[in-house]
Amino acid sequence: MRQSQHMNALDPRQTDCFIAASQTGAIRAAAEQLGLEPSTVSRNISALEMATAMTLLERGRHGVRPTEAGALLLDYLQKQVMGLEVL
């Protein structure tokens, strides 16, 4: 029950940054897509990781990619977006 409460309380700004970074593979590309500074995107993702108590992205020299937990969250968030579009 507690886990679902966390998921309902996720900040849309943070999840948007996470989705964009996951899809583009880079913080800078996500920032350009969202019209934000890269540091803002990075802070939002870090805040989301703190809120979920999980590492969501592997950060490397060649960009970022979702961890296993990040991939699960990404799938969950994408299904939410698709559900809203259906409505």
PDB file of N, CA and C in Angstrom:
ATOM      1  N   MET A   1       0.822  -1.192   0.000  1.00  0.00           N
ATOM      2  CA  MET A   1       0.000   0.000   0.000  1.00  0.00           C
ATOM      3  C   MET A   1       0.868   1.258   0.000  1.00  0.00           C
ATOM      4  N   ARG A   2       1.899   1.231   0.807  1.00  0.00           N
ATOM      5  CA  ARG A   2       2.758   2.404   0.905  1.00  0.00           C
ATOM      6  C   ARG A   2       3.434   2.721  -0.433  1.00  0.00           C
ATOM      7  N   GLN A   3       3.863   1.679  -1.161  1.00  0.00           N
ATOM      8  CA  GLN A   3       4.511   1.879  -2.457  1.00  0.00           C
ATOM      9  C   GLN A   3       3.584   2.596  -3.427  1.00  0.00           C
ATOM     10  N   SER A   4       2.312   2.203  -3.480  1.00  0.00           N
ATOM     11  CA  SER A   4       1.393   2.844  -4.413  1.00  0.00           C
ATOM     12  C   SER A   4       1.148   4.293  -4.031  1.00  0.00           C
ATOM     13  N   GLN A   5       1.214   4.607  -2.750  1.00  0.00           N
ATOM     14  CA  GLN A   5       1.069   5.992  -2.336  1.00  0.00           C
ATOM     15  C   GLN A   5       2.228   6.818  -2.879  1.00  0.00           C
ATOM     16  N   HIS A   6       3.453   6.252  -2.869  1.00  0.00           N
ATOM     17  CA  HIS A   6       4.595   6.965  -3.426  1.00  0.00           C
ATOM     18  C   HIS A   6       4.400   7.209  -4.913  1.00  0.00           C
ATOM     19  N   MET A   7       3.934   6.205  -5.636  1.00  0.00           N
ATOM     20  CA  MET A   7       3.760   6.344  -7.073  1.00  0.00           C
ATOM     21  C   MET A   7       2.731   7.410  -7.414  1.00  0.00           C
ATOM     22  N   ASN A   8       1.689   7.528  -6.610  1.00  0.00           N
ATOM     23  CA  ASN A   8       0.677   8.544  -6.878  1.00  0.00           C
ATOM     24  C   ASN A   8       1.182   9.944  -6.570  1.00  0.00           C
ATOM     25  N   ALA A   9       2.224  10.043  -5.753  1.00  0.00           N
ATOM     26  CA  ALA A   9       2.722  11.343  -5.338  1.00  0.00           C
ATOM     27  C   ALA A   9       3.938  11.798  -6.136  1.00  0.00           C
ATOM     28  N   LEU A  10       4.269  11.119  -7.218  1.00  0.00           N
ATOM     29  CA  LEU A  10       5.434  11.494  -8.000  1.00  0.00           C
ATOM     30  C   LEU A  10       5.215  12.853  -8.659  1.00  0.00           C
ATOM     31  N   ASP A  11       6.252  13.656  -8.644  1.00  0.00           N
ATOM     32  CA  ASP A  11       6.217  15.000  -9.221  1.00  0.00           C
ATOM     33  C   ASP A  11       6.306  14.897 -10.746  1.00  0.00           C
ATOM     34  N   PRO A  12       5.326  15.439 -11.458  1.00  0.00           N
ATOM     35  CA  PRO A  12       5.338  15.344 -12.922  1.00  0.00           C
ATOM     36  C   PRO A  12       6.570  15.976 -13.571  1.00  0.00           C
ATOM     37  N   ARG A  13       7.117  17.022 -12.985  1.00  0.00           N
ATOM     38  CA  ARG A  13       8.334  17.630 -13.553  1.00  0.00           C
ATOM     39  C   ARG A  13       9.490  16.646 -13.479  1.00  0.00           C
ATOM     40  N   GLN A  14       9.564  15.938 -12.365  1.00  0.00           N
ATOM     41  CA  GLN A  14      10.632  14.952 -12.201  1.00  0.00           C
ATOM     42  C   GLN A  14      10.442  13.775 -13.145  1.00  0.00           C
ATOM     43  N   THR A  15       9.222  13.282 -13.247  1.00  0.00           N
ATOM     44  CA  THR A  15       8.987  12.136 -14.120  1.00  0.00           C
ATOM     45  C   THR A  15       9.166  12.516 -15.591  1.00  0.00           C
ATOM     46  N   ASP A  16       8.794  13.724 -15.969  1.00  0.00           N
ATOM     47  CA  ASP A  16       9.012  14.173 -17.352  1.00  0.00           C
ATOM     48  C   ASP A  16      10.505  14.177 -17.689  1.00  0.00           C
ATOM     49  N   CYS A  17      11.316  14.656 -16.752  1.00  0.00           N
ATOM     50  CA  CYS A  17      12.769  14.677 -16.969  1.00  0.00           C
ATOM     51  C   CYS A  17      13.316  13.262 -17.068  1.00  0.00           C
ATOM     52  N   PHE A  18      12.844  12.377 -16.215  1.00  0.00           N
ATOM     53  CA  PHE A  18      13.287  10.987 -16.238  1.00  0.00           C
ATOM     54  C   PHE A  18      12.907  10.312 -17.559  1.00  0.00           C
ATOM     55  N   ILE A  19      11.670  10.500 -17.991  1.00  0.00           N
ATOM     56  CA  ILE A  19      11.213   9.903 -19.250  1.00  0.00           C
ATOM     57  C   ILE A  19      12.055  10.421 -20.417  1.00  0.00           C
ATOM     58  N   ALA A  20      12.241  11.730 -20.485  1.00  0.00           N
ATOM     59  CA  ALA A  20      13.001  12.322 -21.591  1.00  0.00           C
ATOM     60  C   ALA A  20      14.438  11.826 -21.606  1.00  0.00           C
ATOM     61  N   ALA A  21      15.077  11.752 -20.445  1.00  0.00           N
ATOM     62  CA  ALA A  21      16.460  11.279 -20.386  1.00  0.00           C
ATOM     63  C   ALA A  21      16.543   9.808 -20.771  1.00  0.00           C
ATOM     64  N   SER A  22      15.580   9.025 -20.328  1.00  0.00           N
ATOM     65  CA  SER A  22      15.561   7.600 -20.667  1.00  0.00           C
ATOM     66  C   SER A  22      15.390   7.399 -22.159  1.00  0.00           C
ATOM     67  N   GLN A  23      14.518   8.188 -22.763  1.00  0.00           N
ATOM     68  CA  GLN A  23      14.229   8.026 -24.190  1.00  0.00           C
ATOM     69  C   GLN A  23      15.353   8.558 -25.078  1.00  0.00           C
ATOM     70  N   THR A  24      15.981   9.660 -24.668  1.00  0.00           N
ATOM     71  CA  THR A  24      17.034  10.255 -25.498  1.00  0.00           C
ATOM     72  C   THR A  24      18.405   9.668 -25.204  1.00  0.00           C
ATOM     73  N   GLY A  25      18.580   9.121 -24.003  1.00  0.00           N
ATOM     74  CA  GLY A  25      19.866   8.554 -23.627  1.00  0.00           C
ATOM     75  C   GLY A  25      20.874   9.573 -23.147  1.00  0.00           C
ATOM     76  N   ALA A  26      20.422  10.820 -22.928  1.00  0.00           N
ATOM     77  CA  ALA A  26      21.358  11.860 -22.489  1.00  0.00           C
ATOM     78  C   ALA A  26      20.616  12.965 -21.730  1.00  0.00           C
ATOM     79  N   ILE A  27      21.260  13.460 -20.703  1.00  0.00           N
ATOM     80  CA  ILE A  27      20.675  14.559 -19.918  1.00  0.00           C
ATOM     81  C   ILE A  27      20.561  15.813 -20.787  1.00  0.00           C
ATOM     82  N   ARG A  28      21.604  16.106 -21.542  1.00  0.00           N
ATOM     83  CA  ARG A  28      21.604  17.315 -22.378  1.00  0.00           C
ATOM     84  C   ARG A  28      20.498  17.250 -23.442  1.00  0.00           C
ATOM     85  N   ALA A  29      20.334  16.109 -24.075  1.00  0.00           N
ATOM     86  CA  ALA A  29      19.283  15.951 -25.091  1.00  0.00           C
ATOM     87  C   ALA A  29      17.899  16.070 -24.452  1.00  0.00           C
ATOM     88  N   ALA A  30      17.752  15.510 -23.254  1.00  0.00           N
ATOM     89  CA  ALA A  30      16.474  15.632 -22.538  1.00  0.00           C
ATOM     90  C   ALA A  30      16.194  17.092 -22.206  1.00  0.00           C
ATOM     91  N   ALA A  31      17.230  17.806 -21.794  1.00  0.00           N
ATOM     92  CA  ALA A  31      17.073  19.223 -21.460  1.00  0.00           C
ATOM     93  C   ALA A  31      16.636  20.022 -22.688  1.00  0.00           C
ATOM     94  N   GLU A  32      17.254  19.754 -23.827  1.00  0.00           N
ATOM     95  CA  GLU A  32      16.875  20.447 -25.063  1.00  0.00           C
ATOM     96  C   GLU A  32      15.434  20.138 -25.435  1.00  0.00           C
ATOM     97  N   GLN A  33      15.049  18.875 -25.304  1.00  0.00           N
ATOM     98  CA  GLN A  33      13.684  18.460 -25.633  1.00  0.00           C
ATOM     99  C   GLN A  33      12.663  19.155 -24.741  1.00  0.00           C
ATOM    100  N   LEU A  34      13.015  19.324 -23.457  1.00  0.00           N
ATOM    101  CA  LEU A  34      12.078  19.906 -22.491  1.00  0.00           C
ATOM    102  C   LEU A  34      12.207  21.421 -22.349  1.00  0.00           C
ATOM    103  N   GLY A  35      13.223  22.002 -22.972  1.00  0.00           N
ATOM    104  CA  GLY A  35      13.440  23.439 -22.851  1.00  0.00           C
ATOM    105  C   GLY A  35      13.944  23.841 -21.473  1.00  0.00           C
ATOM    106  N   LEU A  36      14.768  22.982 -20.880  1.00  0.00           N
ATOM    107  CA  LEU A  36      15.317  23.233 -19.551  1.00  0.00           C
ATOM    108  C   LEU A  36      16.838  23.203 -19.600  1.00  0.00           C
ATOM    109  N   GLU A  37      17.466  23.642 -18.534  1.00  0.00           N
ATOM    110  CA  GLU A  37      18.911  23.523 -18.400  1.00  0.00           C
ATOM    111  C   GLU A  37      19.247  22.083 -18.013  1.00  0.00           C
ATOM    112  N   PRO A  38      20.373  21.560 -18.496  1.00  0.00           N
ATOM    113  CA  PRO A  38      20.766  20.208 -18.110  1.00  0.00           C
ATOM    114  C   PRO A  38      20.847  20.008 -16.595  1.00  0.00           C
ATOM    115  N   SER A  39      21.312  21.029 -15.882  1.00  0.00           N
ATOM    116  CA  SER A  39      21.411  20.904 -14.421  1.00  0.00           C
ATOM    117  C   SER A  39      20.036  20.743 -13.785  1.00  0.00           C
ATOM    118  N   THR A  40      19.023  21.378 -14.348  1.00  0.00           N
ATOM    119  CA  THR A  40      17.653  21.247 -13.842  1.00  0.00           C
ATOM    120  C   THR A  40      17.143  19.834 -14.072  1.00  0.00           C
ATOM    121  N   VAL A  41      17.402  19.300 -15.250  1.00  0.00           N
ATOM    122  CA  VAL A  41      16.993  17.922 -15.558  1.00  0.00           C
ATOM    123  C   VAL A  41      17.678  16.955 -14.600  1.00  0.00           C
ATOM    124  N   SER A  42      18.970  17.125 -14.413  1.00  0.00           N
ATOM    125  CA  SER A  42      19.723  16.249 -13.529  1.00  0.00           C
ATOM    126  C   SER A  42      19.210  16.331 -12.091  1.00  0.00           C
ATOM    127  N   ARG A  43      18.939  17.531 -11.608  1.00  0.00           N
ATOM    128  CA  ARG A  43      18.399  17.701 -10.245  1.00  0.00           C
ATOM    129  C   ARG A  43      17.037  17.050 -10.098  1.00  0.00           C
ATOM    130  N   ASN A  44      16.187  17.198 -11.110  1.00  0.00           N
ATOM    131  CA  ASN A  44      14.860  16.584 -11.058  1.00  0.00           C
ATOM    132  C   ASN A  44      14.949  15.061 -11.011  1.00  0.00           C
ATOM    133  N   ILE A  45      15.852  14.502 -11.780  1.00  0.00           N
ATOM    134  CA  ILE A  45      16.022  13.045 -11.773  1.00  0.00           C
ATOM    135  C   ILE A  45      16.578  12.586 -10.432  1.00  0.00           C
ATOM    136  N   SER A  46      17.541  13.313  -9.894  1.00  0.00           N
ATOM    137  CA  SER A  46      18.088  12.972  -8.575  1.00  0.00           C
ATOM    138  C   SER A  46      17.007  13.038  -7.506  1.00  0.00           C
ATOM    139  N   ALA A  47      16.143  14.050  -7.587  1.00  0.00           N
ATOM    140  CA  ALA A  47      15.052  14.177  -6.616  1.00  0.00           C
ATOM    141  C   ALA A  47      14.074  13.013  -6.751  1.00  0.00           C
ATOM    142  N   LEU A  48      13.815  12.582  -7.983  1.00  0.00           N
ATOM    143  CA  LEU A  48      12.935  11.432  -8.205  1.00  0.00           C
ATOM    144  C   LEU A  48      13.570  10.159  -7.637  1.00  0.00           C
ATOM    145  N   GLU A  49      14.880  10.019  -7.819  1.00  0.00           N
ATOM    146  CA  GLU A  49      15.570   8.863  -7.251  1.00  0.00           C
ATOM    147  C   GLU A  49      15.488   8.878  -5.722  1.00  0.00           C
ATOM    148  N   MET A  50      15.587  10.044  -5.132  1.00  0.00           N
ATOM    149  CA  MET A  50      15.456  10.138  -3.674  1.00  0.00           C
ATOM    150  C   MET A  50      14.028   9.813  -3.240  1.00  0.00           C
ATOM    151  N   ALA A  51      13.049  10.305  -3.980  1.00  0.00           N
ATOM    152  CA  ALA A  51      11.639  10.076  -3.632  1.00  0.00           C
ATOM    153  C   ALA A  51      11.263   8.599  -3.732  1.00  0.00           C
ATOM    154  N   THR A  52      11.850   7.904  -4.691  1.00  0.00           N
ATOM    155  CA  THR A  52      11.535   6.480  -4.876  1.00  0.00           C
ATOM    156  C   THR A  52      12.511   5.571  -4.126  1.00  0.00           C
ATOM    157  N   ALA A  53      13.583   6.154  -3.598  1.00  0.00           N
ATOM    158  CA  ALA A  53      14.636   5.399  -2.904  1.00  0.00           C
ATOM    159  C   ALA A  53      15.243   4.329  -3.814  1.00  0.00           C
ATOM    160  N   MET A  54      15.371   4.674  -5.108  1.00  0.00           N
ATOM    161  CA  MET A  54      15.945   3.749  -6.094  1.00  0.00           C
ATOM    162  C   MET A  54      16.851   4.513  -7.044  1.00  0.00           C
ATOM    163  N   THR A  55      17.904   3.844  -7.513  1.00  0.00           N
ATOM    164  CA  THR A  55      18.708   4.394  -8.599  1.00  0.00           C
ATOM    165  C   THR A  55      17.970   4.063  -9.887  1.00  0.00           C
ATOM    166  N   LEU A  56      17.599   5.092 -10.632  1.00  0.00           N
ATOM    167  CA  LEU A  56      16.768   4.901 -11.821  1.00  0.00           C
ATOM    168  C   LEU A  56      17.563   4.954 -13.123  1.00  0.00           C
ATOM    169  N   LEU A  57      18.685   5.683 -13.107  1.00  0.00           N
ATOM    170  CA  LEU A  57      19.504   5.804 -14.314  1.00  0.00           C
ATOM    171  C   LEU A  57      20.950   5.468 -14.017  1.00  0.00           C
ATOM    172  N   GLU A  58      21.574   4.747 -14.931  1.00  0.00           N
ATOM    173  CA  GLU A  58      23.019   4.550 -14.897  1.00  0.00           C
ATOM    174  C   GLU A  58      23.612   5.697 -15.696  1.00  0.00           C
ATOM    175  N   ARG A  59      24.489   6.434 -15.061  1.00  0.00           N
ATOM    176  CA  ARG A  59      25.123   7.570 -15.723  1.00  0.00           C
ATOM    177  C   ARG A  59      26.532   7.166 -16.134  1.00  0.00           C
ATOM    178  N   GLY A  60      26.852   7.389 -17.400  1.00  0.00           N
ATOM    179  CA  GLY A  60      28.172   7.004 -17.900  1.00  0.00           C
ATOM    180  C   GLY A  60      28.736   8.054 -18.838  1.00  0.00           C
ATOM    181  N   ARG A  61      29.892   7.756 -19.359  1.00  0.00           N
ATOM    182  CA  ARG A  61      30.553   8.700 -20.274  1.00  0.00           C
ATOM    183  C   ARG A  61      29.747   8.933 -21.538  1.00  0.00           C
ATOM    184  N   HIS A  62      28.971   7.942 -21.936  1.00  0.00           N
ATOM    185  CA  HIS A  62      28.242   8.031 -23.207  1.00  0.00           C
ATOM    186  C   HIS A  62      26.751   8.254 -23.003  1.00  0.00           C
ATOM    187  N   GLY A  63      26.382   8.811 -21.862  1.00  0.00           N
ATOM    188  CA  GLY A  63      24.982   9.124 -21.635  1.00  0.00           C
ATOM    189  C   GLY A  63      24.399   8.362 -20.457  1.00  0.00           C
ATOM    190  N   VAL A  64      23.096   8.202 -20.508  1.00  0.00           N
ATOM    191  CA  VAL A  64      22.376   7.538 -19.421  1.00  0.00           C
ATOM    192  C   VAL A  64      21.500   6.427 -19.992  1.00  0.00           C
ATOM    193  N   ARG A  65      21.212   5.456 -19.126  1.00  0.00           N
ATOM    194  CA  ARG A  65      20.262   4.416 -19.500  1.00  0.00           C
ATOM    195  C   ARG A  65      19.570   3.959 -18.223  1.00  0.00           C
ATOM    196  N   PRO A  66      18.321   3.537 -18.346  1.00  0.00           N
ATOM    197  CA  PRO A  66      17.584   3.109 -17.156  1.00  0.00           C
ATOM    198  C   PRO A  66      18.183   1.867 -16.514  1.00  0.00           C
ATOM    199  N   THR A  67      18.190   1.845 -15.194  1.00  0.00           N
ATOM    200  CA  THR A  67      18.515   0.635 -14.457  1.00  0.00           C
ATOM    201  C   THR A  67      17.313  -0.296 -14.578  1.00  0.00           C
ATOM    202  N   GLU A  68      17.388  -1.467 -13.976  1.00  0.00           N
ATOM    203  CA  GLU A  68      16.243  -2.374 -14.001  1.00  0.00           C
ATOM    204  C   GLU A  68      15.027  -1.708 -13.339  1.00  0.00           C
ATOM    205  N   ALA A  69      15.250  -1.062 -12.204  1.00  0.00           N
ATOM    206  CA  ALA A  69      14.161  -0.349 -11.527  1.00  0.00           C
ATOM    207  C   ALA A  69      13.666   0.813 -12.389  1.00  0.00           C
ATOM    208  N   GLY A  70      14.604   1.496 -13.047  1.00  0.00           N
ATOM    209  CA  GLY A  70      14.236   2.600 -13.922  1.00  0.00           C
ATOM    210  C   GLY A  70      13.394   2.148 -15.099  1.00  0.00           C
ATOM    211  N   ALA A  71      13.732   0.986 -15.650  1.00  0.00           N
ATOM    212  CA  ALA A  71      12.961   0.448 -16.778  1.00  0.00           C
ATOM    213  C   ALA A  71      11.528   0.121 -16.343  1.00  0.00           C
ATOM    214  N   LEU A  72      11.386  -0.416 -15.141  1.00  0.00           N
ATOM    215  CA  LEU A  72      10.042  -0.714 -14.623  1.00  0.00           C
ATOM    216  C   LEU A  72       9.238   0.565 -14.420  1.00  0.00           C
ATOM    217  N   LEU A  73       9.891   1.586 -13.856  1.00  0.00           N
ATOM    218  CA  LEU A  73       9.200   2.863 -13.645  1.00  0.00           C
ATOM    219  C   LEU A  73       8.858   3.509 -14.986  1.00  0.00           C
ATOM    220  N   LEU A  74       9.778   3.458 -15.928  1.00  0.00           N
ATOM    221  CA  LEU A  74       9.528   4.023 -17.255  1.00  0.00           C
ATOM    222  C   LEU A  74       8.314   3.363 -17.895  1.00  0.00           C
ATOM    223  N   ASP A  75       8.234   2.055 -17.823  1.00  0.00           N
ATOM    224  CA  ASP A  75       7.093   1.325 -18.372  1.00  0.00           C
ATOM    225  C   ASP A  75       5.797   1.767 -17.696  1.00  0.00           C
ATOM    226  N   TYR A  76       5.824   1.865 -16.376  1.00  0.00           N
ATOM    227  CA  TYR A  76       4.655   2.311 -15.605  1.00  0.00           C
ATOM    228  C   TYR A  76       4.212   3.710 -16.040  1.00  0.00           C
ATOM    229  N   LEU A  77       5.178   4.624 -16.147  1.00  0.00           N
ATOM    230  CA  LEU A  77       4.852   6.007 -16.508  1.00  0.00           C
ATOM    231  C   LEU A  77       4.333   6.099 -17.944  1.00  0.00           C
ATOM    232  N   GLN A  78       4.920   5.341 -18.850  1.00  0.00           N
ATOM    233  CA  GLN A  78       4.465   5.367 -20.239  1.00  0.00           C
ATOM    234  C   GLN A  78       3.046   4.816 -20.356  1.00  0.00           C
ATOM    235  N   LYS A  79       2.715   3.795 -19.571  1.00  0.00           N
ATOM    236  CA  LYS A  79       1.352   3.261 -19.577  1.00  0.00           C
ATOM    237  C   LYS A  79       0.369   4.287 -19.038  1.00  0.00           C
ATOM    238  N   GLN A  80       0.786   5.060 -18.042  1.00  0.00           N
ATOM    239  CA  GLN A  80      -0.073   6.123 -17.509  1.00  0.00           C
ATOM    240  C   GLN A  80      -0.359   7.161 -18.592  1.00  0.00           C
ATOM    241  N   VAL A  81       0.681   7.563 -19.306  1.00  0.00           N
ATOM    242  CA  VAL A  81       0.524   8.565 -20.370  1.00  0.00           C
ATOM    243  C   VAL A  81      -0.409   8.041 -21.454  1.00  0.00           C
ATOM    244  N   MET A  82      -0.221   6.781 -21.853  1.00  0.00           N
ATOM    245  CA  MET A  82      -1.086   6.196 -22.884  1.00  0.00           C
ATOM    246  C   MET A  82      -2.521   6.116 -22.397  1.00  0.00           C
ATOM    247  N   GLY A  83      -2.712   5.791 -21.132  1.00  0.00           N
ATOM    248  CA  GLY A  83      -4.055   5.730 -20.561  1.00  0.00           C
ATOM    249  C   GLY A  83      -4.739   7.084 -20.586  1.00  0.00           C
ATOM    250  N   LEU A  84      -3.989   8.137 -20.296  1.00  0.00           N
ATOM    251  CA  LEU A  84      -4.559   9.482 -20.329  1.00  0.00           C
ATOM    252  C   LEU A  84      -4.925   9.896 -21.754  1.00  0.00           C
ATOM    253  N   GLU A  85      -4.096   9.469 -22.711  1.00  0.00           N
ATOM    254  CA  GLU A  85      -4.375   9.792 -24.106  1.00  0.00           C
ATOM    255  C   GLU A  85      -5.651   9.118 -24.581  1.00  0.00           C
ATOM    256  N   VAL A  86      -5.898   7.904 -24.091  1.00  0.00           N
ATOM    257  CA  VAL A  86      -7.117   7.174 -24.454  1.00  0.00           C
ATOM    258  C   VAL A  86      -8.345   7.919 -23.930  1.00  0.00           C
ATOM    259  N   LEU A  87      -8.238   8.467 -22.727  1.00  0.00           N
ATOM    260  CA  LEU A  87      -9.357   9.222 -22.160  1.00  0.00           C
ATOM    261  C   LEU A  87      -9.656  10.441 -22.998  1.00  0.00           C
TER     262      LEU A  87
END
